[in-house]
Amino acid sequence: MIRILLPAAFLLAACADVQQATDTAGRNTAKTILPEALAIYFPQVPKQLFTPFTNCVVDNADASEVQSLAADALTGVDQGTADTIRTVLSRPEAQQCLRAAAPSALATL
């Protein structure tokens, strides 16, 4: 029995590592497209807040939203990108993130 369980445990650990690496890569890729999307679809957001907005959106996006945003990094931003950002920003956690991050970003002016 131990001969079966030990390899299975290693396999599960390796899968978790791959999943974490994939998630991190997707989130990093998604972050590359957010400033452009903010500039086009959210002109009311001051440029000095692009980094906090980007981080808060990506950090509060679920896996499918990250995948969608990462894909937009290849295909370009469109209304779907803006819709995904709006969906994430509507969440209380994302709004709380922005409230916490915005003052420090604005203080650097």
N, C-alpha and C. Protein backbone atom coordinates (compact mmCIF):
# COMPACT_ATOMS: atom_id res chain seq x y z
N MET A 1 0.82 -1.19 0.00
CA MET A 1 0.00 0.00 0.00
C MET A 1 0.87 1.26 0.00
N ILE A 2 1.94 1.24 0.80
CA ILE A 2 2.82 2.40 0.87
C ILE A 2 3.48 2.65 -0.48
N ARG A 3 3.71 1.61 -1.26
CA ARG A 3 4.31 1.75 -2.58
C ARG A 3 3.39 2.51 -3.54
N ILE A 4 2.13 2.49 -3.28
CA ILE A 4 1.17 3.20 -4.13
C ILE A 4 0.97 4.62 -3.62
N LEU A 5 0.86 4.77 -2.33
CA LEU A 5 0.57 6.08 -1.74
C LEU A 5 1.72 7.07 -1.88
N LEU A 6 2.94 6.62 -1.72
CA LEU A 6 4.08 7.52 -1.78
C LEU A 6 4.23 8.15 -3.18
N PRO A 7 4.22 7.36 -4.25
CA PRO A 7 4.29 7.99 -5.58
C PRO A 7 3.09 8.89 -5.88
N ALA A 8 1.93 8.51 -5.39
CA ALA A 8 0.74 9.34 -5.60
C ALA A 8 0.90 10.68 -4.90
N ALA A 9 1.48 10.68 -3.71
CA ALA A 9 1.71 11.94 -2.98
C ALA A 9 2.69 12.83 -3.75
N PHE A 10 3.75 12.25 -4.28
CA PHE A 10 4.70 13.03 -5.07
C PHE A 10 4.06 13.59 -6.33
N LEU A 11 3.22 12.80 -6.96
CA LEU A 11 2.53 13.25 -8.17
C LEU A 11 1.60 14.41 -7.86
N LEU A 12 0.87 14.33 -6.76
CA LEU A 12 -0.02 15.43 -6.37
C LEU A 12 0.76 16.69 -6.04
N ALA A 13 1.89 16.55 -5.38
CA ALA A 13 2.72 17.71 -5.06
C ALA A 13 3.25 18.35 -6.33
N ALA A 14 3.67 17.55 -7.29
CA ALA A 14 4.16 18.08 -8.56
C ALA A 14 3.05 18.79 -9.31
N CYS A 15 1.84 18.26 -9.28
CA CYS A 15 0.70 18.90 -9.95
C CYS A 15 0.40 20.26 -9.32
N ALA A 16 0.48 20.32 -8.00
CA ALA A 16 0.22 21.59 -7.31
C ALA A 16 1.27 22.62 -7.69
N ASP A 17 2.53 22.20 -7.81
CA ASP A 17 3.60 23.12 -8.21
C ASP A 17 3.38 23.63 -9.63
N VAL A 18 2.98 22.75 -10.52
CA VAL A 18 2.71 23.15 -11.91
C VAL A 18 1.53 24.10 -11.95
N GLN A 19 0.49 23.81 -11.20
CA GLN A 19 -0.69 24.66 -11.18
C GLN A 19 -0.34 26.05 -10.64
N GLN A 20 0.48 26.11 -9.59
CA GLN A 20 0.89 27.40 -9.02
C GLN A 20 1.74 28.18 -10.02
N ALA A 21 2.65 27.51 -10.70
CA ALA A 21 3.49 28.18 -11.69
C ALA A 21 2.66 28.71 -12.85
N THR A 22 1.67 27.93 -13.27
CA THR A 22 0.79 28.35 -14.35
C THR A 22 -0.04 29.55 -13.93
N ASP A 23 -0.56 29.54 -12.72
CA ASP A 23 -1.35 30.65 -12.22
C ASP A 23 -0.49 31.92 -12.13
N THR A 24 0.71 31.79 -11.63
CA THR A 24 1.61 32.95 -11.52
C THR A 24 1.94 33.51 -12.89
N ALA A 25 2.24 32.64 -13.84
CA ALA A 25 2.55 33.10 -15.20
C ALA A 25 1.34 33.80 -15.82
N GLY A 26 0.16 33.27 -15.62
CA GLY A 26 -1.05 33.89 -16.16
C GLY A 26 -1.31 35.25 -15.53
N ARG A 27 -1.12 35.36 -14.24
CA ARG A 27 -1.33 36.65 -13.56
C ARG A 27 -0.30 37.68 -14.01
N ASN A 28 0.96 37.25 -14.17
CA ASN A 28 1.98 38.19 -14.66
C ASN A 28 1.68 38.65 -16.08
N THR A 29 1.20 37.76 -16.91
CA THR A 29 0.83 38.12 -18.28
C THR A 29 -0.37 39.05 -18.28
N ALA A 30 -1.34 38.77 -17.44
CA ALA A 30 -2.54 39.62 -17.36
C ALA A 30 -2.16 41.05 -16.95
N LYS A 31 -1.17 41.18 -16.08
CA LYS A 31 -0.76 42.51 -15.63
C LYS A 31 -0.18 43.35 -16.76
N THR A 32 0.32 42.71 -17.81
CA THR A 32 0.91 43.49 -18.91
C THR A 32 -0.15 44.21 -19.74
N ILE A 33 -1.36 43.71 -19.75
CA ILE A 33 -2.41 44.28 -20.60
C ILE A 33 -3.26 45.31 -19.87
N LEU A 34 -3.26 45.29 -18.55
CA LEU A 34 -4.15 46.17 -17.79
C LEU A 34 -3.91 47.66 -18.01
N PRO A 35 -2.67 48.15 -18.02
CA PRO A 35 -2.50 49.60 -18.24
C PRO A 35 -3.11 50.09 -19.55
N GLU A 36 -2.95 49.32 -20.61
CA GLU A 36 -3.55 49.71 -21.89
C GLU A 36 -5.08 49.71 -21.80
N ALA A 37 -5.62 48.69 -21.18
CA ALA A 37 -7.08 48.61 -21.04
C ALA A 37 -7.60 49.76 -20.18
N LEU A 38 -6.88 50.09 -19.12
CA LEU A 38 -7.30 51.21 -18.28
C LEU A 38 -7.27 52.52 -19.06
N ALA A 39 -6.23 52.72 -19.84
CA ALA A 39 -6.11 53.96 -20.62
C ALA A 39 -7.24 54.09 -21.64
N ILE A 40 -7.63 52.99 -22.25
CA ILE A 40 -8.65 53.04 -23.31
C ILE A 40 -10.07 53.06 -22.74
N TYR A 41 -10.36 52.15 -21.83
CA TYR A 41 -11.73 51.95 -21.37
C TYR A 41 -12.07 52.62 -20.04
N PHE A 42 -11.04 53.08 -19.33
CA PHE A 42 -11.27 53.72 -18.04
C PHE A 42 -10.47 55.03 -17.96
N PRO A 43 -10.77 55.98 -18.85
CA PRO A 43 -9.98 57.22 -18.90
C PRO A 43 -10.07 58.05 -17.62
N GLN A 44 -11.05 57.77 -16.78
CA GLN A 44 -11.19 58.51 -15.53
C GLN A 44 -10.15 58.08 -14.49
N VAL A 45 -9.46 56.96 -14.72
CA VAL A 45 -8.44 56.49 -13.79
C VAL A 45 -7.15 57.25 -14.07
N PRO A 46 -6.64 58.00 -13.08
CA PRO A 46 -5.38 58.71 -13.29
C PRO A 46 -4.22 57.74 -13.55
N LYS A 47 -3.30 58.15 -14.38
CA LYS A 47 -2.19 57.28 -14.76
C LYS A 47 -1.41 56.78 -13.54
N GLN A 48 -1.25 57.62 -12.51
CA GLN A 48 -0.50 57.19 -11.33
C GLN A 48 -1.21 56.08 -10.55
N LEU A 49 -2.48 55.81 -10.88
CA LEU A 49 -3.21 54.71 -10.23
C LEU A 49 -3.25 53.44 -11.06
N PHE A 50 -2.61 53.45 -12.23
CA PHE A 50 -2.63 52.26 -13.08
C PHE A 50 -2.03 51.04 -12.36
N THR A 51 -0.93 51.23 -11.66
CA THR A 51 -0.31 50.08 -10.97
C THR A 51 -1.20 49.54 -9.87
N PRO A 52 -1.75 50.39 -8.98
CA PRO A 52 -2.66 49.82 -7.97
C PRO A 52 -3.89 49.16 -8.59
N PHE A 53 -4.47 49.78 -9.63
CA PHE A 53 -5.62 49.17 -10.29
C PHE A 53 -5.24 47.82 -10.88
N THR A 54 -4.11 47.78 -11.57
CA THR A 54 -3.64 46.54 -12.19
C THR A 54 -3.48 45.45 -11.14
N ASN A 55 -2.76 45.76 -10.07
CA ASN A 55 -2.53 44.76 -9.03
C ASN A 55 -3.82 44.30 -8.37
N CYS A 56 -4.71 45.24 -8.07
CA CYS A 56 -5.97 44.87 -7.42
C CYS A 56 -6.86 44.04 -8.32
N VAL A 57 -6.90 44.37 -9.60
CA VAL A 57 -7.72 43.58 -10.53
C VAL A 57 -7.17 42.17 -10.64
N VAL A 58 -5.89 42.05 -10.92
CA VAL A 58 -5.30 40.72 -11.12
C VAL A 58 -5.33 39.90 -9.83
N ASP A 59 -5.05 40.53 -8.71
CA ASP A 59 -5.04 39.80 -7.44
C ASP A 59 -6.43 39.31 -7.03
N ASN A 60 -7.47 39.97 -7.51
CA ASN A 60 -8.84 39.59 -7.13
C ASN A 60 -9.60 38.89 -8.24
N ALA A 61 -8.94 38.61 -9.34
CA ALA A 61 -9.56 37.87 -10.44
C ALA A 61 -9.50 36.37 -10.17
N ASP A 62 -10.54 35.67 -10.61
CA ASP A 62 -10.50 34.22 -10.47
C ASP A 62 -9.72 33.63 -11.65
N ALA A 63 -9.53 32.33 -11.65
CA ALA A 63 -8.69 31.67 -12.66
C ALA A 63 -9.19 31.92 -14.08
N SER A 64 -10.48 31.86 -14.30
CA SER A 64 -11.00 32.06 -15.66
C SER A 64 -10.82 33.51 -16.11
N GLU A 65 -10.95 34.44 -15.18
CA GLU A 65 -10.75 35.86 -15.52
C GLU A 65 -9.28 36.14 -15.83
N VAL A 66 -8.39 35.53 -15.06
CA VAL A 66 -6.96 35.67 -15.33
C VAL A 66 -6.64 35.10 -16.71
N GLN A 67 -7.20 33.95 -17.00
CA GLN A 67 -6.97 33.33 -18.30
C GLN A 67 -7.46 34.23 -19.43
N SER A 68 -8.61 34.84 -19.25
CA SER A 68 -9.16 35.74 -20.26
C SER A 68 -8.27 36.97 -20.44
N LEU A 69 -7.84 37.57 -19.34
CA LEU A 69 -6.98 38.75 -19.42
C LEU A 69 -5.62 38.40 -20.02
N ALA A 70 -5.08 37.24 -19.67
CA ALA A 70 -3.81 36.82 -20.24
C ALA A 70 -3.94 36.60 -21.75
N ALA A 71 -5.06 36.05 -22.18
CA ALA A 71 -5.29 35.86 -23.61
C ALA A 71 -5.37 37.21 -24.32
N ASP A 72 -5.95 38.21 -23.65
CA ASP A 72 -6.04 39.54 -24.24
C ASP A 72 -4.67 40.16 -24.44
N ALA A 73 -3.69 39.71 -23.68
CA ALA A 73 -2.32 40.20 -23.87
C ALA A 73 -1.79 39.78 -25.24
N LEU A 74 -2.34 38.70 -25.78
CA LEU A 74 -1.93 38.23 -27.10
C LEU A 74 -2.80 38.80 -28.21
N THR A 75 -4.09 38.92 -27.94
CA THR A 75 -5.02 39.33 -28.99
C THR A 75 -5.33 40.82 -28.98
N GLY A 76 -5.04 41.49 -27.87
CA GLY A 76 -5.34 42.91 -27.74
C GLY A 76 -6.57 43.14 -26.88
N VAL A 77 -6.66 44.37 -26.35
CA VAL A 77 -7.78 44.69 -25.48
C VAL A 77 -9.02 44.97 -26.32
N ASP A 78 -10.17 44.68 -25.74
CA ASP A 78 -11.44 44.96 -26.39
C ASP A 78 -12.50 45.15 -25.30
N GLN A 79 -13.73 45.23 -25.71
CA GLN A 79 -14.81 45.43 -24.74
C GLN A 79 -14.89 44.29 -23.73
N GLY A 80 -14.55 43.09 -24.16
CA GLY A 80 -14.53 41.94 -23.24
C GLY A 80 -13.51 42.14 -22.12
N THR A 81 -12.38 42.73 -22.46
CA THR A 81 -11.37 43.04 -21.44
C THR A 81 -11.95 44.00 -20.41
N ALA A 82 -12.60 45.05 -20.91
CA ALA A 82 -13.20 46.05 -20.03
C ALA A 82 -14.28 45.42 -19.16
N ASP A 83 -15.07 44.53 -19.74
CA ASP A 83 -16.12 43.86 -18.97
C ASP A 83 -15.53 43.00 -17.85
N THR A 84 -14.45 42.30 -18.15
CA THR A 84 -13.80 41.48 -17.13
C THR A 84 -13.27 42.35 -16.00
N ILE A 85 -12.65 43.47 -16.36
CA ILE A 85 -12.13 44.39 -15.34
C ILE A 85 -13.27 44.91 -14.48
N ARG A 86 -14.37 45.30 -15.12
CA ARG A 86 -15.53 45.81 -14.35
C ARG A 86 -16.06 44.76 -13.38
N THR A 87 -16.13 43.53 -13.85
CA THR A 87 -16.62 42.44 -13.00
C THR A 87 -15.74 42.29 -11.77
N VAL A 88 -14.45 42.28 -11.98
CA VAL A 88 -13.53 42.12 -10.84
C VAL A 88 -13.62 43.33 -9.91
N LEU A 89 -13.67 44.53 -10.49
CA LEU A 89 -13.73 45.74 -9.67
C LEU A 89 -15.04 45.87 -8.89
N SER A 90 -16.07 45.15 -9.29
CA SER A 90 -17.34 45.22 -8.57
C SER A 90 -17.31 44.44 -7.26
N ARG A 91 -16.29 43.63 -7.08
CA ARG A 91 -16.20 42.82 -5.86
C ARG A 91 -15.70 43.67 -4.69
N PRO A 92 -16.28 43.44 -3.52
CA PRO A 92 -15.86 44.20 -2.33
C PRO A 92 -14.36 44.07 -2.04
N GLU A 93 -13.79 42.90 -2.28
CA GLU A 93 -12.36 42.70 -2.01
C GLU A 93 -11.50 43.58 -2.91
N ALA A 94 -11.89 43.71 -4.17
CA ALA A 94 -11.14 44.55 -5.11
C ALA A 94 -11.28 46.02 -4.73
N GLN A 95 -12.46 46.41 -4.32
CA GLN A 95 -12.68 47.80 -3.91
C GLN A 95 -11.88 48.12 -2.66
N GLN A 96 -11.84 47.19 -1.74
CA GLN A 96 -11.05 47.39 -0.51
C GLN A 96 -9.56 47.49 -0.86
N CYS A 97 -9.11 46.67 -1.79
CA CYS A 97 -7.72 46.71 -2.23
C CYS A 97 -7.39 48.09 -2.80
N LEU A 98 -8.28 48.63 -3.64
CA LEU A 98 -8.05 49.95 -4.23
C LEU A 98 -8.04 51.05 -3.17
N ARG A 99 -8.96 50.97 -2.23
CA ARG A 99 -8.99 51.98 -1.16
C ARG A 99 -7.70 51.96 -0.36
N ALA A 100 -7.13 50.79 -0.18
CA ALA A 100 -5.88 50.68 0.59
C ALA A 100 -4.68 51.14 -0.24
N ALA A 101 -4.68 50.85 -1.53
CA ALA A 101 -3.50 51.13 -2.37
C ALA A 101 -3.48 52.55 -2.94
N ALA A 102 -4.62 53.12 -3.21
CA ALA A 102 -4.69 54.42 -3.88
C ALA A 102 -4.04 55.56 -3.10
N PRO A 103 -4.26 55.69 -1.81
CA PRO A 103 -3.64 56.82 -1.10
C PRO A 103 -2.12 56.87 -1.21
N SER A 104 -1.48 55.71 -1.11
CA SER A 104 -0.02 55.69 -1.19
C SER A 104 0.45 56.02 -2.61
N ALA A 105 -0.31 55.60 -3.62
CA ALA A 105 0.05 55.92 -5.00
C ALA A 105 -0.12 57.41 -5.27
N LEU A 106 -1.17 57.99 -4.72
CA LEU A 106 -1.42 59.42 -4.94
C LEU A 106 -0.45 60.29 -4.12
N ALA A 107 0.08 59.75 -3.04
CA ALA A 107 0.99 60.51 -2.20
C ALA A 107 2.33 60.76 -2.90
N THR A 108 2.63 60.00 -3.94
CA THR A 108 3.89 60.16 -4.63
C THR A 108 3.85 61.29 -5.66
N LEU A 109 2.74 61.96 -5.77
CA LEU A 109 2.63 63.07 -6.73
C LEU A 109 3.41 64.27 -6.30
